[in-house]
Amino acid sequence: MKILMNNRKIGYTYGTISGHYPFRKDASVAYESPLERDFLIMLEFNDSVSEVIGQPLTFQYKNENGRTVPYTPDFLVYFNEPDTALMRLKRKPLLIEVKTKEDLDNKFSEYKFRFKLAIKYAQENDLIFKIYDERKIRTRYFKNIMFLKRYQKLNFDNEETSQILSYLYTAGNNSIEYILEYFCVTREQKGLMLSQIYHLLYHKKVLCNFNKPINMKTQIWLNEIDEEENL
């Protein structure tokens, strides 16, 4: 078996959607399907992820017919150093394969040997190999990201933003509905502040349980770590 580093180039593939994702505006990460793109969106929102490398390496091996064939995992994901104050262990980098459930169900016997190669390589290089399908990617967490992403680039009055953050700092967590009632009188005011709260959630100025549906009953709270870092 031969291993080549970063040798696969992404181009147009008939019947698929491929391209490059501007990961946090710092890097361009290649993807070859909508599911891979959605996986990158999910990783980008996760603050523990420090870097994503697309098509990091290629295995060349002989298949059952004796032909030399390539296999390239989709992503290599690195994580930030742990917060030592919280005594968390550093996460091992992940070597990732993204496939639809249908593809895995129909072709697993074909993929099995190449996955074994990836598992062996990961074990020998202090990595973890994982396979992601749409059940692990298009979760409630992902749906919330896509919903909040609509509010990403909106601009709001800094004074009003400070009022919301100061209130949460003093009062602690509250429902979105309660905060709107506290600050607003008219429907128009509530609609504007609701958009502002969604904007703050996307940018992690305030937090919620992103694994649950976001609605008026959602409890939100100040991201105090973020606030401390900006002092």
C-alpha atoms as a PDB file:
ATOM      1  CA  MET A   1       0.000   0.000   0.000  1.00  0.00           C
ATOM      2  CA  LYS A   2       1.211   3.477  -0.896  1.00  0.00           C
ATOM      3  CA  ILE A   3       0.143   6.726   0.782  1.00  0.00           C
ATOM      4  CA  LEU A   4       0.205  10.042  -1.070  1.00  0.00           C
ATOM      5  CA  MET A   5      -0.421  13.335   0.735  1.00  0.00           C
ATOM      6  CA  ASN A   6      -2.865  15.880  -0.691  1.00  0.00           C
ATOM      7  CA  ASN A   7      -2.911  14.660  -4.250  1.00  0.00           C
ATOM      8  CA  ARG A   8      -6.570  14.745  -5.231  1.00  0.00           C
ATOM      9  CA  LYS A   9      -7.962  17.768  -7.070  1.00  0.00           C
ATOM     10  CA  ILE A  10     -11.616  18.714  -7.059  1.00  0.00           C
ATOM     11  CA  GLY A  11     -13.338  19.376 -10.350  1.00  0.00           C
ATOM     12  CA  TYR A  12     -16.851  19.121 -11.706  1.00  0.00           C
ATOM     13  CA  THR A  13     -18.300  15.639 -11.425  1.00  0.00           C
ATOM     14  CA  TYR A  14     -21.416  14.841 -13.440  1.00  0.00           C
ATOM     15  CA  GLY A  15     -24.448  14.408 -11.208  1.00  0.00           C
ATOM     16  CA  THR A  16     -22.821  15.930  -8.130  1.00  0.00           C
ATOM     17  CA  ILE A  17     -22.296  19.361  -6.651  1.00  0.00           C
ATOM     18  CA  SER A  18     -18.652  20.131  -5.955  1.00  0.00           C
ATOM     19  CA  GLY A  19     -16.671  23.213  -5.093  1.00  0.00           C
ATOM     20  CA  HIS A  20     -14.663  24.953  -2.412  1.00  0.00           C
ATOM     21  CA  TYR A  21     -16.042  26.136   0.923  1.00  0.00           C
ATOM     22  CA  PRO A  22     -14.529  29.346   2.429  1.00  0.00           C
ATOM     23  CA  PHE A  23     -13.968  27.893   5.888  1.00  0.00           C
ATOM     24  CA  ARG A  24     -14.004  30.832   8.338  1.00  0.00           C
ATOM     25  CA  LYS A  25     -12.652  32.950   5.478  1.00  0.00           C
ATOM     26  CA  ASP A  26      -9.165  31.654   6.306  1.00  0.00           C
ATOM     27  CA  ALA A  27      -9.078  28.545   4.133  1.00  0.00           C
ATOM     28  CA  SER A  28     -10.712  27.073   1.057  1.00  0.00           C
ATOM     29  CA  VAL A  29     -11.790  23.481   1.692  1.00  0.00           C
ATOM     30  CA  ALA A  30     -12.807  21.269  -1.231  1.00  0.00           C
ATOM     31  CA  TYR A  31     -16.039  19.277  -1.192  1.00  0.00           C
ATOM     32  CA  GLU A  32     -17.623  16.910  -3.715  1.00  0.00           C
ATOM     33  CA  SER A  33     -21.258  16.711  -2.629  1.00  0.00           C
ATOM     34  CA  PRO A  34     -23.966  18.716  -0.840  1.00  0.00           C
ATOM     35  CA  LEU A  35     -23.553  16.400   2.159  1.00  0.00           C
ATOM     36  CA  GLU A  36     -19.827  17.170   2.393  1.00  0.00           C
ATOM     37  CA  ARG A  37     -20.623  20.895   2.145  1.00  0.00           C
ATOM     38  CA  ASP A  38     -23.161  20.584   4.966  1.00  0.00           C
ATOM     39  CA  PHE A  39     -20.583  18.775   7.063  1.00  0.00           C
ATOM     40  CA  LEU A  40     -18.207  21.726   6.596  1.00  0.00           C
ATOM     41  CA  ILE A  41     -20.942  24.165   7.643  1.00  0.00           C
ATOM     42  CA  MET A  42     -21.463  22.143  10.811  1.00  0.00           C
ATOM     43  CA  LEU A  43     -17.724  22.074  11.565  1.00  0.00           C
ATOM     44  CA  GLU A  44     -17.378  25.813  10.966  1.00  0.00           C
ATOM     45  CA  PHE A  45     -19.983  26.561  13.640  1.00  0.00           C
ATOM     46  CA  ASN A  46     -18.215  24.329  16.176  1.00  0.00           C
ATOM     47  CA  ASP A  47     -15.731  26.483  18.113  1.00  0.00           C
ATOM     48  CA  SER A  48     -13.688  23.461  19.210  1.00  0.00           C
ATOM     49  CA  VAL A  49     -12.667  22.826  15.574  1.00  0.00           C
ATOM     50  CA  SER A  50      -9.420  24.611  14.694  1.00  0.00           C
ATOM     51  CA  GLU A  51      -8.681  23.418  11.152  1.00  0.00           C
ATOM     52  CA  VAL A  52     -10.162  21.275   8.386  1.00  0.00           C
ATOM     53  CA  ILE A  53      -8.099  19.821   5.537  1.00  0.00           C
ATOM     54  CA  GLY A  54      -9.919  18.512   2.492  1.00  0.00           C
ATOM     55  CA  GLN A  55      -8.708  15.274   0.839  1.00  0.00           C
ATOM     56  CA  PRO A  56      -5.676  15.085   3.161  1.00  0.00           C
ATOM     57  CA  LEU A  57      -4.122  11.898   1.782  1.00  0.00           C
ATOM     58  CA  THR A  58      -4.634   9.083  -0.712  1.00  0.00           C
ATOM     59  CA  PHE A  59      -4.120   5.351  -0.197  1.00  0.00           C
ATOM     60  CA  GLN A  60      -3.113   3.328  -3.241  1.00  0.00           C
ATOM     61  CA  TYR A  61      -3.835  -0.388  -2.886  1.00  0.00           C
ATOM     62  CA  LYS A  62      -4.541  -3.470  -4.977  1.00  0.00           C
ATOM     63  CA  ASN A  63      -8.190  -4.476  -5.175  1.00  0.00           C
ATOM     64  CA  GLU A  64      -9.509  -8.029  -5.517  1.00  0.00           C
ATOM     65  CA  ASN A  65      -8.799  -7.930  -9.259  1.00  0.00           C
ATOM     66  CA  GLY A  66      -5.153  -7.014  -8.692  1.00  0.00           C
ATOM     67  CA  ARG A  67      -5.571  -3.476 -10.001  1.00  0.00           C
ATOM     68  CA  THR A  68      -3.982  -0.541  -8.173  1.00  0.00           C
ATOM     69  CA  VAL A  69      -6.785   1.807  -7.109  1.00  0.00           C
ATOM     70  CA  PRO A  70      -6.862   4.997  -5.002  1.00  0.00           C
ATOM     71  CA  TYR A  71      -8.889   5.812  -1.904  1.00  0.00           C
ATOM     72  CA  THR A  72      -8.999   9.362  -0.512  1.00  0.00           C
ATOM     73  CA  PRO A  73     -10.803  10.127   2.777  1.00  0.00           C
ATOM     74  CA  ASP A  74     -12.749  13.382   2.646  1.00  0.00           C
ATOM     75  CA  PHE A  75     -11.466  15.435   5.572  1.00  0.00           C
ATOM     76  CA  LEU A  76      -8.927  15.665   8.362  1.00  0.00           C
ATOM     77  CA  VAL A  77     -10.278  17.680  11.318  1.00  0.00           C
ATOM     78  CA  TYR A  78      -8.109  19.225  14.027  1.00  0.00           C
ATOM     79  CA  PHE A  79      -9.312  20.581  17.361  1.00  0.00           C
ATOM     80  CA  ASN A  80      -8.258  23.480  19.563  1.00  0.00           C
ATOM     81  CA  GLU A  81      -6.075  22.949  22.600  1.00  0.00           C
ATOM     82  CA  PRO A  82      -8.190  22.148  25.666  1.00  0.00           C
ATOM     83  CA  ASP A  83      -8.976  24.671  28.374  1.00  0.00           C
ATOM     84  CA  THR A  84      -6.689  23.392  31.121  1.00  0.00           C
ATOM     85  CA  ALA A  85      -8.766  25.177  33.755  1.00  0.00           C
ATOM     86  CA  LEU A  86     -11.651  22.860  32.896  1.00  0.00           C
ATOM     87  CA  MET A  87      -9.384  19.781  32.867  1.00  0.00           C
ATOM     88  CA  ARG A  88     -10.550  18.621  29.450  1.00  0.00           C
ATOM     89  CA  LEU A  89      -8.556  16.115  27.437  1.00  0.00           C
ATOM     90  CA  LYS A  90      -7.288  17.153  24.024  1.00  0.00           C
ATOM     91  CA  ARG A  91      -9.363  15.583  21.255  1.00  0.00           C
ATOM     92  CA  LYS A  92      -7.566  13.482  18.713  1.00  0.00           C
ATOM     93  CA  PRO A  93      -7.827  14.667  15.095  1.00  0.00           C
ATOM     94  CA  LEU A  94     -10.531  12.962  13.054  1.00  0.00           C
ATOM     95  CA  LEU A  95     -10.016  11.362   9.651  1.00  0.00           C
ATOM     96  CA  ILE A  96     -13.467  11.598   8.090  1.00  0.00           C
ATOM     97  CA  GLU A  97     -15.347   9.815   5.337  1.00  0.00           C
ATOM     98  CA  VAL A  98     -18.701  11.330   4.298  1.00  0.00           C
ATOM     99  CA  LYS A  99     -21.186   9.075   2.520  1.00  0.00           C
ATOM    100  CA  THR A 100     -24.970   8.942   2.224  1.00  0.00           C
ATOM    101  CA  LYS A 101     -26.716   6.142   4.084  1.00  0.00           C
ATOM    102  CA  GLU A 102     -27.984   4.773   0.773  1.00  0.00           C
ATOM    103  CA  ASP A 103     -24.464   4.641  -0.624  1.00  0.00           C
ATOM    104  CA  LEU A 104     -23.145   2.889   2.485  1.00  0.00           C
ATOM    105  CA  ASP A 105     -25.999   0.376   2.447  1.00  0.00           C
ATOM    106  CA  ASN A 106     -25.554  -0.445  -1.236  1.00  0.00           C
ATOM    107  CA  LYS A 107     -21.759  -0.488  -1.468  1.00  0.00           C
ATOM    108  CA  PHE A 108     -20.428  -1.289   1.988  1.00  0.00           C
ATOM    109  CA  SER A 109     -18.826  -4.541   0.860  1.00  0.00           C
ATOM    110  CA  GLU A 110     -16.963  -2.526  -1.790  1.00  0.00           C
ATOM    111  CA  TYR A 111     -15.905   0.126   0.722  1.00  0.00           C
ATOM    112  CA  LYS A 112     -15.022  -2.217   3.589  1.00  0.00           C
ATOM    113  CA  PHE A 113     -11.378  -2.817   2.676  1.00  0.00           C
ATOM    114  CA  ARG A 114     -10.585   0.868   2.110  1.00  0.00           C
ATOM    115  CA  PHE A 115     -12.198   1.741   5.446  1.00  0.00           C
ATOM    116  CA  LYS A 116      -9.959  -0.847   7.113  1.00  0.00           C
ATOM    117  CA  LEU A 117      -6.939   0.884   5.568  1.00  0.00           C
ATOM    118  CA  ALA A 118      -8.106   4.207   6.981  1.00  0.00           C
ATOM    119  CA  ILE A 119      -8.698   2.704  10.433  1.00  0.00           C
ATOM    120  CA  LYS A 120      -5.208   1.171  10.454  1.00  0.00           C
ATOM    121  CA  TYR A 121      -3.603   4.425   9.315  1.00  0.00           C
ATOM    122  CA  ALA A 122      -5.522   6.399  11.957  1.00  0.00           C
ATOM    123  CA  GLN A 123      -4.459   4.037  14.746  1.00  0.00           C
ATOM    124  CA  GLU A 124      -0.813   4.286  13.697  1.00  0.00           C
ATOM    125  CA  ASN A 125      -0.912   8.112  13.538  1.00  0.00           C
ATOM    126  CA  ASP A 126      -2.900   8.983  16.676  1.00  0.00           C
ATOM    127  CA  LEU A 127      -6.057   9.800  14.723  1.00  0.00           C
ATOM    128  CA  ILE A 128      -9.622   8.517  14.842  1.00  0.00           C
ATOM    129  CA  PHE A 129     -11.356   7.408  11.642  1.00  0.00           C
ATOM    130  CA  LYS A 130     -15.091   8.112  11.468  1.00  0.00           C
ATOM    131  CA  ILE A 131     -17.803   7.714   8.853  1.00  0.00           C
ATOM    132  CA  TYR A 132     -20.547  10.357   8.691  1.00  0.00           C
ATOM    133  CA  ASP A 133     -23.837   9.990   6.839  1.00  0.00           C
ATOM    134  CA  GLU A 134     -26.814  12.384   6.748  1.00  0.00           C
ATOM    135  CA  ARG A 135     -28.118  11.040  10.077  1.00  0.00           C
ATOM    136  CA  LYS A 136     -25.012  12.433  11.806  1.00  0.00           C
ATOM    137  CA  ILE A 137     -24.803  15.613   9.741  1.00  0.00           C
ATOM    138  CA  ARG A 138     -28.309  16.899   9.030  1.00  0.00           C
ATOM    139  CA  THR A 139     -29.324  16.890  12.653  1.00  0.00           C
ATOM    140  CA  ARG A 140     -31.308  19.424  14.677  1.00  0.00           C
ATOM    141  CA  TYR A 141     -27.963  21.118  15.400  1.00  0.00           C
ATOM    142  CA  PHE A 142     -27.354  21.573  11.664  1.00  0.00           C
ATOM    143  CA  LYS A 143     -30.912  22.791  11.027  1.00  0.00           C
ATOM    144  CA  ASN A 144     -30.482  25.416  13.739  1.00  0.00           C
ATOM    145  CA  ILE A 145     -27.220  26.588  12.163  1.00  0.00           C
ATOM    146  CA  MET A 146     -28.909  26.989   8.770  1.00  0.00           C
ATOM    147  CA  PHE A 147     -31.810  28.875  10.350  1.00  0.00           C
ATOM    148  CA  LEU A 148     -29.532  31.275  12.261  1.00  0.00           C
ATOM    149  CA  LYS A 149     -27.223  31.721   9.259  1.00  0.00           C
ATOM    150  CA  ARG A 150     -29.890  33.935   7.650  1.00  0.00           C
ATOM    151  CA  TYR A 151     -29.210  36.531  10.346  1.00  0.00           C
ATOM    152  CA  GLN A 152     -25.417  36.325  10.168  1.00  0.00           C
ATOM    153  CA  LYS A 153     -24.723  39.537   8.244  1.00  0.00           C
ATOM    154  CA  LEU A 154     -27.422  41.812   9.656  1.00  0.00           C
ATOM    155  CA  ASN A 155     -26.375  45.030  11.396  1.00  0.00           C
ATOM    156  CA  PHE A 156     -27.905  46.321  14.619  1.00  0.00           C
ATOM    157  CA  ASP A 157     -27.556  49.285  16.913  1.00  0.00           C
ATOM    158  CA  ASN A 158     -24.634  48.703  19.291  1.00  0.00           C
ATOM    159  CA  GLU A 159     -26.459  50.307  22.200  1.00  0.00           C
ATOM    160  CA  GLU A 160     -29.421  47.942  21.889  1.00  0.00           C
ATOM    161  CA  THR A 161     -27.060  44.982  21.632  1.00  0.00           C
ATOM    162  CA  SER A 162     -25.295  46.102  24.817  1.00  0.00           C
ATOM    163  CA  GLN A 163     -28.665  46.344  26.598  1.00  0.00           C
ATOM    164  CA  ILE A 164     -29.517  42.733  25.736  1.00  0.00           C
ATOM    165  CA  LEU A 165     -26.081  41.455  26.785  1.00  0.00           C
ATOM    166  CA  SER A 166     -26.086  43.494  30.000  1.00  0.00           C
ATOM    167  CA  TYR A 167     -29.543  42.202  30.885  1.00  0.00           C
ATOM    168  CA  LEU A 168     -28.486  38.586  30.404  1.00  0.00           C
ATOM    169  CA  TYR A 169     -25.316  39.225  32.426  1.00  0.00           C
ATOM    170  CA  THR A 170     -27.449  40.463  35.344  1.00  0.00           C
ATOM    171  CA  ALA A 171     -30.545  38.277  35.070  1.00  0.00           C
ATOM    172  CA  GLY A 172     -29.032  35.019  33.815  1.00  0.00           C
ATOM    173  CA  ASN A 173     -30.827  32.765  31.357  1.00  0.00           C
ATOM    174  CA  ASN A 174     -34.317  33.646  30.169  1.00  0.00           C
ATOM    175  CA  SER A 175     -36.614  32.607  27.362  1.00  0.00           C
ATOM    176  CA  ILE A 176     -36.553  34.576  24.118  1.00  0.00           C
ATOM    177  CA  GLU A 177     -40.235  35.317  24.664  1.00  0.00           C
ATOM    178  CA  TYR A 178     -39.597  36.820  28.115  1.00  0.00           C
ATOM    179  CA  ILE A 179     -36.787  39.059  26.824  1.00  0.00           C
ATOM    180  CA  LEU A 180     -38.967  40.389  24.011  1.00  0.00           C
ATOM    181  CA  GLU A 181     -41.755  41.177  26.480  1.00  0.00           C
ATOM    182  CA  TYR A 182     -39.279  42.875  28.813  1.00  0.00           C
ATOM    183  CA  PHE A 183     -37.786  45.202  26.187  1.00  0.00           C
ATOM    184  CA  CYS A 184     -40.486  45.666  23.558  1.00  0.00           C
ATOM    185  CA  VAL A 185     -43.990  47.119  23.270  1.00  0.00           C
ATOM    186  CA  THR A 186     -45.003  46.877  19.614  1.00  0.00           C
ATOM    187  CA  ARG A 187     -44.966  43.909  17.250  1.00  0.00           C
ATOM    188  CA  GLU A 188     -42.447  45.717  15.056  1.00  0.00           C
ATOM    189  CA  GLN A 189     -40.074  46.196  17.991  1.00  0.00           C
ATOM    190  CA  LYS A 190     -40.372  42.526  18.907  1.00  0.00           C
ATOM    191  CA  GLY A 191     -39.681  41.432  15.324  1.00  0.00           C
ATOM    192  CA  LEU A 192     -36.555  43.573  15.133  1.00  0.00           C
ATOM    193  CA  MET A 193     -35.225  42.397  18.496  1.00  0.00           C
ATOM    194  CA  LEU A 194     -35.967  38.768  17.613  1.00  0.00           C
ATOM    195  CA  SER A 195     -33.760  39.123  14.532  1.00  0.00           C
ATOM    196  CA  GLN A 196     -31.115  40.712  16.749  1.00  0.00           C
ATOM    197  CA  ILE A 197     -31.217  37.780  19.170  1.00  0.00           C
ATOM    198  CA  TYR A 198     -30.856  35.305  16.296  1.00  0.00           C
ATOM    199  CA  HIS A 199     -27.884  37.344  15.062  1.00  0.00           C
ATOM    200  CA  LEU A 200     -26.294  37.167  18.524  1.00  0.00           C
ATOM    201  CA  LEU A 201     -26.920  33.416  18.698  1.00  0.00           C
ATOM    202  CA  TYR A 202     -25.235  32.807  15.349  1.00  0.00           C
ATOM    203  CA  HIS A 203     -22.173  34.765  16.452  1.00  0.00           C
ATOM    204  CA  LYS A 204     -22.176  33.050  19.895  1.00  0.00           C
ATOM    205  CA  LYS A 205     -22.534  36.306  21.819  1.00  0.00           C
ATOM    206  CA  VAL A 206     -25.424  34.534  23.486  1.00  0.00           C
ATOM    207  CA  LEU A 207     -25.917  30.791  23.706  1.00  0.00           C
ATOM    208  CA  CYS A 208     -28.699  28.225  23.853  1.00  0.00           C
ATOM    209  CA  ASN A 209     -29.024  24.472  23.546  1.00  0.00           C
ATOM    210  CA  PHE A 210     -28.331  24.213  19.821  1.00  0.00           C
ATOM    211  CA  ASN A 211     -29.424  20.565  19.829  1.00  0.00           C
ATOM    212  CA  LYS A 212     -33.055  21.521  20.464  1.00  0.00           C
ATOM    213  CA  PRO A 213     -35.523  23.429  18.261  1.00  0.00           C
ATOM    214  CA  ILE A 214     -35.129  27.210  18.538  1.00  0.00           C
ATOM    215  CA  ASN A 215     -38.415  28.954  19.267  1.00  0.00           C
ATOM    216  CA  MET A 216     -39.910  31.574  21.577  1.00  0.00           C
ATOM    217  CA  LYS A 217     -39.565  29.242  24.580  1.00  0.00           C
ATOM    218  CA  THR A 218     -35.842  28.705  23.987  1.00  0.00           C
ATOM    219  CA  GLN A 219     -33.702  29.639  26.979  1.00  0.00           C
ATOM    220  CA  ILE A 220     -30.720  31.833  26.109  1.00  0.00           C
ATOM    221  CA  TRP A 221     -27.798  33.076  28.191  1.00  0.00           C
ATOM    222  CA  LEU A 222     -24.736  35.258  27.886  1.00  0.00           C
ATOM    223  CA  ASN A 223     -21.569  33.700  26.500  1.00  0.00           C
ATOM    224  CA  GLU A 224     -19.472  34.971  29.408  1.00  0.00           C
ATOM    225  CA  ILE A 225     -16.244  33.431  28.078  1.00  0.00           C
ATOM    226  CA  ASP A 226     -16.653  35.442  24.903  1.00  0.00           C
ATOM    227  CA  GLU A 227     -17.363  38.581  26.917  1.00  0.00           C
ATOM    228  CA  GLU A 228     -14.284  38.073  29.096  1.00  0.00           C
ATOM    229  CA  GLU A 229     -12.074  37.628  26.051  1.00  0.00           C
ATOM    230  CA  ASN A 230     -13.238  41.012  24.733  1.00  0.00           C
ATOM    231  CA  LEU A 231     -12.511  42.969  27.928  1.00  0.00           C
END
